[in-house]
Amino acid sequence: MSEDRYLTFALGKGRLAKQTLEAFERIGITCEEMKEKDTRKLIFVNEKLKLKFFLAKGPDVPTYVEYGAADLGVVGKDTVLEEGRNIYEVLDLGFGVCKMCVCGPKSAEEYLKSHELIRVATKYPKIAKDYFFGKKHQTVEIIKLNGSIELAPIVGLSEVIVDIVETGSTLRENGLMVLEEVCPLSARMVVNQVSMKMEHERITRIISDLKLVIGERK
């Protein structure tokens, strides 16, 4: 493809976008427009490098990438797993590190060991289903929630929860603990399948440069 074509990045809003842009700056990819605090712009452009950026809610990033509205995206591994989109995951960026875990009161340990039929509250029903039905072969009832998941076992809605754990302080403050680890999580770069073929050289150059930066940080 021509170098005149813009490569478009979809970035998960918030801390993830900030960390992504910091990593990009280390490989010479900058976007000064995104640093303007009061901007109402939705699309940010680096004319010199022929790059475009936009911010999206995390769960929407894989959708933009799958449908080709973005060539590349950066989003948490939890979102990649939960959305299950038809995209290439090409790089672990090494930041936003945390874990997906089964959590609950210590008394719930027994339910997990004996594979009892229990209720599991989570924002991530697909990940929870894959873990309990696929890996553990334990039949559970999965309840989808959107707010504070830690509340569910405290008020008796569920025996356990499946949620992201970073430090575990919120769990401890509410008398809960990590009972099982589902999978490690971090920020991942994802690529549209057609873009990977059409813009292979430009995209692989970005991936290679980022790999060097990640290697230096370790």
Protein backbone atom coordinates (compact mmCIF):
# COMPACT_ATOMS: atom_id res chain seq x y z
CA MET A 1 0.00 0.00 0.00
CA SER A 2 1.06 3.60 -0.48
CA GLU A 3 2.85 5.46 2.27
CA ASP A 4 0.22 8.18 1.68
CA ARG A 5 -2.41 6.09 3.45
CA TYR A 6 -2.93 6.91 7.11
CA LEU A 7 -2.55 4.18 9.71
CA THR A 8 -5.27 4.56 12.34
CA PHE A 9 -4.91 3.62 16.01
CA ALA A 10 -7.79 3.08 18.45
CA LEU A 11 -6.63 3.54 22.04
CA GLY A 12 -8.49 2.56 25.21
CA LYS A 13 -9.34 5.74 27.15
CA GLY A 14 -7.67 6.76 30.42
CA ARG A 15 -4.41 5.53 31.91
CA LEU A 16 -3.95 2.95 29.15
CA ALA A 17 -3.92 5.65 26.44
CA LYS A 18 -1.44 7.74 28.44
CA GLN A 19 0.94 4.79 28.88
CA THR A 20 0.55 3.82 25.22
CA LEU A 21 1.44 7.31 24.02
CA GLU A 22 4.48 7.35 26.33
CA ALA A 23 5.65 4.06 24.77
CA PHE A 24 4.99 5.42 21.27
CA GLU A 25 7.03 8.55 22.01
CA ARG A 26 10.01 6.36 22.79
CA ILE A 27 9.92 5.00 19.24
CA GLY A 28 9.43 8.43 17.68
CA ILE A 29 5.64 8.33 17.27
CA THR A 30 4.14 11.49 18.71
CA CYS A 31 0.78 13.20 18.59
CA GLU A 32 0.93 16.69 20.06
CA GLU A 33 -2.80 17.27 19.45
CA MET A 34 -3.66 14.64 22.06
CA LYS A 35 -1.84 16.58 24.76
CA GLU A 36 -4.19 19.55 24.54
CA LYS A 37 -6.26 19.24 27.71
CA ASP A 38 -9.45 21.01 26.69
CA THR A 39 -9.67 19.72 23.13
CA ARG A 40 -13.02 18.44 21.88
CA LYS A 41 -11.47 16.73 18.88
CA LEU A 42 -12.29 13.07 18.30
CA ILE A 43 -9.57 12.29 15.75
CA PHE A 44 -5.94 13.29 16.29
CA VAL A 45 -3.49 13.39 13.39
CA ASN A 46 0.26 13.27 12.88
CA GLU A 47 0.51 14.51 9.28
CA LYS A 48 4.25 13.91 9.01
CA LEU A 49 4.05 10.21 9.93
CA LYS A 50 0.63 9.69 8.29
CA LEU A 51 -0.93 8.43 11.52
CA LYS A 52 -4.35 8.99 13.06
CA PHE A 53 -5.42 8.28 16.64
CA PHE A 54 -8.75 8.17 18.41
CA LEU A 55 -9.83 7.29 21.94
CA ALA A 56 -12.57 4.75 22.61
CA LYS A 57 -14.05 2.89 25.54
CA GLY A 58 -12.00 -0.26 26.12
CA PRO A 59 -14.66 -2.79 25.04
CA ASP A 60 -15.17 -0.89 21.76
CA VAL A 61 -11.51 -0.98 20.68
CA PRO A 62 -11.55 -4.60 19.34
CA THR A 63 -14.77 -3.80 17.45
CA TYR A 64 -13.20 -0.80 15.69
CA VAL A 65 -10.19 -2.95 14.81
CA GLU A 66 -12.18 -5.97 13.60
CA TYR A 67 -14.28 -3.84 11.24
CA GLY A 68 -11.29 -1.90 9.91
CA ALA A 69 -12.25 1.50 11.34
CA ALA A 70 -8.85 1.25 13.04
CA ASP A 71 -5.82 -0.61 11.70
CA LEU A 72 -4.35 -1.11 15.17
CA GLY A 73 -5.62 -0.90 18.73
CA VAL A 74 -4.28 -0.99 22.26
CA VAL A 75 -6.47 -2.51 24.94
CA GLY A 76 -6.32 -4.76 28.02
CA LYS A 77 -6.07 -8.53 27.56
CA ASP A 78 -9.31 -8.83 29.57
CA THR A 79 -11.14 -6.96 26.81
CA VAL A 80 -9.50 -9.04 24.07
CA LEU A 81 -10.70 -12.23 25.80
CA GLU A 82 -14.17 -10.95 26.66
CA GLU A 83 -14.96 -9.46 23.25
CA GLY A 84 -13.60 -12.46 21.29
CA ARG A 85 -13.23 -10.43 18.10
CA ASN A 86 -11.67 -11.64 14.85
CA ILE A 87 -8.37 -9.74 15.20
CA TYR A 88 -4.66 -10.46 15.56
CA GLU A 89 -3.10 -9.99 19.00
CA VAL A 90 0.50 -9.11 18.11
CA LEU A 91 2.23 -7.72 21.20
CA ASP A 92 2.18 -7.71 24.98
CA LEU A 93 3.10 -4.11 25.82
CA GLY A 94 4.10 -4.97 29.38
CA PHE A 95 2.12 -2.29 31.23
CA GLY A 96 -1.32 -2.31 32.84
CA VAL A 97 -0.29 -5.55 34.51
CA CYS A 98 -2.87 -7.27 36.73
CA LYS A 99 -4.71 -10.61 37.02
CA MET A 100 -8.18 -11.99 36.40
CA CYS A 101 -9.15 -13.95 39.50
CA VAL A 102 -11.92 -15.87 41.20
CA CYS A 103 -12.47 -14.08 44.53
CA GLY A 104 -14.73 -14.47 47.51
CA PRO A 105 -14.76 -15.11 51.25
CA LYS A 106 -12.45 -17.87 52.52
CA SER A 107 -15.54 -20.03 53.15
CA ALA A 108 -16.14 -20.21 49.37
CA GLU A 109 -12.91 -22.20 48.84
CA GLU A 110 -14.79 -25.40 49.57
CA TYR A 111 -17.37 -24.75 46.83
CA LEU A 112 -14.57 -24.45 44.28
CA LYS A 113 -12.77 -27.60 45.44
CA SER A 114 -15.92 -29.72 45.48
CA HIS A 115 -17.20 -28.33 42.13
CA GLU A 116 -20.56 -27.36 43.62
CA LEU A 117 -23.21 -25.50 41.65
CA ILE A 118 -22.63 -21.90 42.69
CA ARG A 119 -23.42 -18.40 41.46
CA VAL A 120 -20.62 -16.30 39.99
CA ALA A 121 -21.00 -12.51 39.63
CA THR A 122 -18.81 -10.75 37.06
CA LYS A 123 -18.40 -8.01 34.47
CA TYR A 124 -16.76 -10.67 32.30
CA PRO A 125 -19.31 -13.45 31.62
CA LYS A 126 -17.39 -14.91 28.65
CA ILE A 127 -14.12 -15.18 30.60
CA ALA A 128 -15.96 -16.65 33.60
CA LYS A 129 -17.79 -19.16 31.43
CA ASP A 130 -14.61 -20.23 29.62
CA TYR A 131 -12.85 -20.71 32.95
CA PHE A 132 -15.55 -22.59 34.86
CA PHE A 133 -17.05 -24.61 32.02
CA GLY A 134 -13.93 -25.00 29.88
CA LYS A 135 -11.02 -25.30 32.30
CA LYS A 136 -12.61 -26.44 35.57
CA HIS A 137 -15.59 -28.36 34.16
CA GLN A 138 -17.70 -26.90 36.95
CA THR A 139 -21.31 -25.94 36.28
CA VAL A 140 -22.08 -22.47 37.63
CA GLU A 141 -24.71 -19.79 37.23
CA ILE A 142 -23.10 -16.63 35.88
CA ILE A 143 -24.63 -13.29 36.82
CA LYS A 144 -23.56 -10.26 34.78
CA LEU A 145 -23.04 -7.05 36.78
CA ASN A 146 -21.74 -3.64 35.76
CA GLY A 147 -20.90 -1.94 39.05
CA SER A 148 -18.92 -2.90 42.16
CA ILE A 149 -18.56 -6.65 41.77
CA GLU A 150 -17.18 -7.05 45.33
CA LEU A 151 -20.64 -6.27 46.65
CA ALA A 152 -22.18 -9.49 45.23
CA PRO A 153 -20.83 -12.05 47.75
CA ILE A 154 -21.22 -9.61 50.65
CA VAL A 155 -24.99 -9.22 50.08
CA GLY A 156 -25.51 -12.86 49.11
CA LEU A 157 -26.08 -12.43 45.38
CA SER A 158 -23.25 -14.86 44.58
CA GLU A 159 -20.79 -17.16 46.31
CA VAL A 160 -17.80 -15.86 44.32
CA ILE A 161 -16.86 -13.21 41.75
CA VAL A 162 -14.57 -13.17 38.71
CA ASP A 163 -12.83 -9.82 38.48
CA ILE A 164 -9.58 -7.98 37.80
CA VAL A 165 -7.21 -7.80 40.76
CA GLU A 166 -4.37 -5.29 40.82
CA THR A 167 -3.31 -4.86 44.47
CA GLY A 168 -6.09 -6.77 46.24
CA SER A 169 -6.67 -3.95 48.75
CA THR A 170 -10.39 -3.54 47.88
CA LEU A 171 -10.89 -7.28 48.39
CA ARG A 172 -9.15 -7.26 51.77
CA GLU A 173 -11.11 -4.22 52.97
CA ASN A 174 -14.32 -6.14 52.25
CA GLY A 175 -13.32 -9.48 53.78
CA LEU A 176 -12.67 -11.15 50.42
CA MET A 177 -9.59 -12.85 48.99
CA VAL A 178 -8.20 -14.31 45.77
CA LEU A 179 -9.24 -17.96 45.62
CA GLU A 180 -8.03 -18.91 42.14
CA GLU A 181 -6.12 -17.14 39.37
CA VAL A 182 -7.82 -17.25 35.97
CA CYS A 183 -5.14 -15.58 33.82
CA PRO A 184 -2.52 -12.79 33.78
CA LEU A 185 -3.50 -9.51 32.12
CA SER A 186 -1.71 -6.55 30.55
CA ALA A 187 -2.06 -4.10 27.67
CA ARG A 188 -2.00 -5.73 24.23
CA MET A 189 -1.62 -4.42 20.72
CA VAL A 190 -4.19 -5.80 18.29
CA VAL A 191 -4.30 -5.50 14.50
CA ASN A 192 -6.98 -5.73 11.84
CA GLN A 193 -6.43 -8.87 9.76
CA VAL A 194 -6.67 -7.13 6.37
CA SER A 195 -4.45 -4.23 7.52
CA MET A 196 -1.80 -6.73 8.62
CA LYS A 197 -1.58 -7.96 5.02
CA MET A 198 -1.97 -4.61 3.22
CA GLU A 199 0.25 -2.57 5.56
CA HIS A 200 2.55 -5.38 6.66
CA GLU A 201 5.80 -3.45 6.40
CA ARG A 202 4.65 -0.37 8.32
CA ILE A 203 2.88 -2.36 11.03
CA THR A 204 5.72 -4.84 11.59
CA ARG A 205 8.17 -1.92 11.83
CA ILE A 206 6.08 -0.40 14.65
CA ILE A 207 5.85 -3.78 16.42
CA SER A 208 9.63 -4.33 16.11
CA ASP A 209 10.43 -0.86 17.46
CA LEU A 210 8.05 -1.36 20.40
CA LYS A 211 9.60 -4.75 21.18
CA LEU A 212 12.99 -3.06 21.56
CA VAL A 213 11.52 -0.45 23.92
CA ILE A 214 9.79 -3.15 25.99
CA GLY A 215 13.03 -5.11 26.16
CA GLU A 216 14.91 -2.04 27.48
CA ARG A 217 12.29 -1.52 30.21
CA LYS A 218 12.58 -5.06 31.60
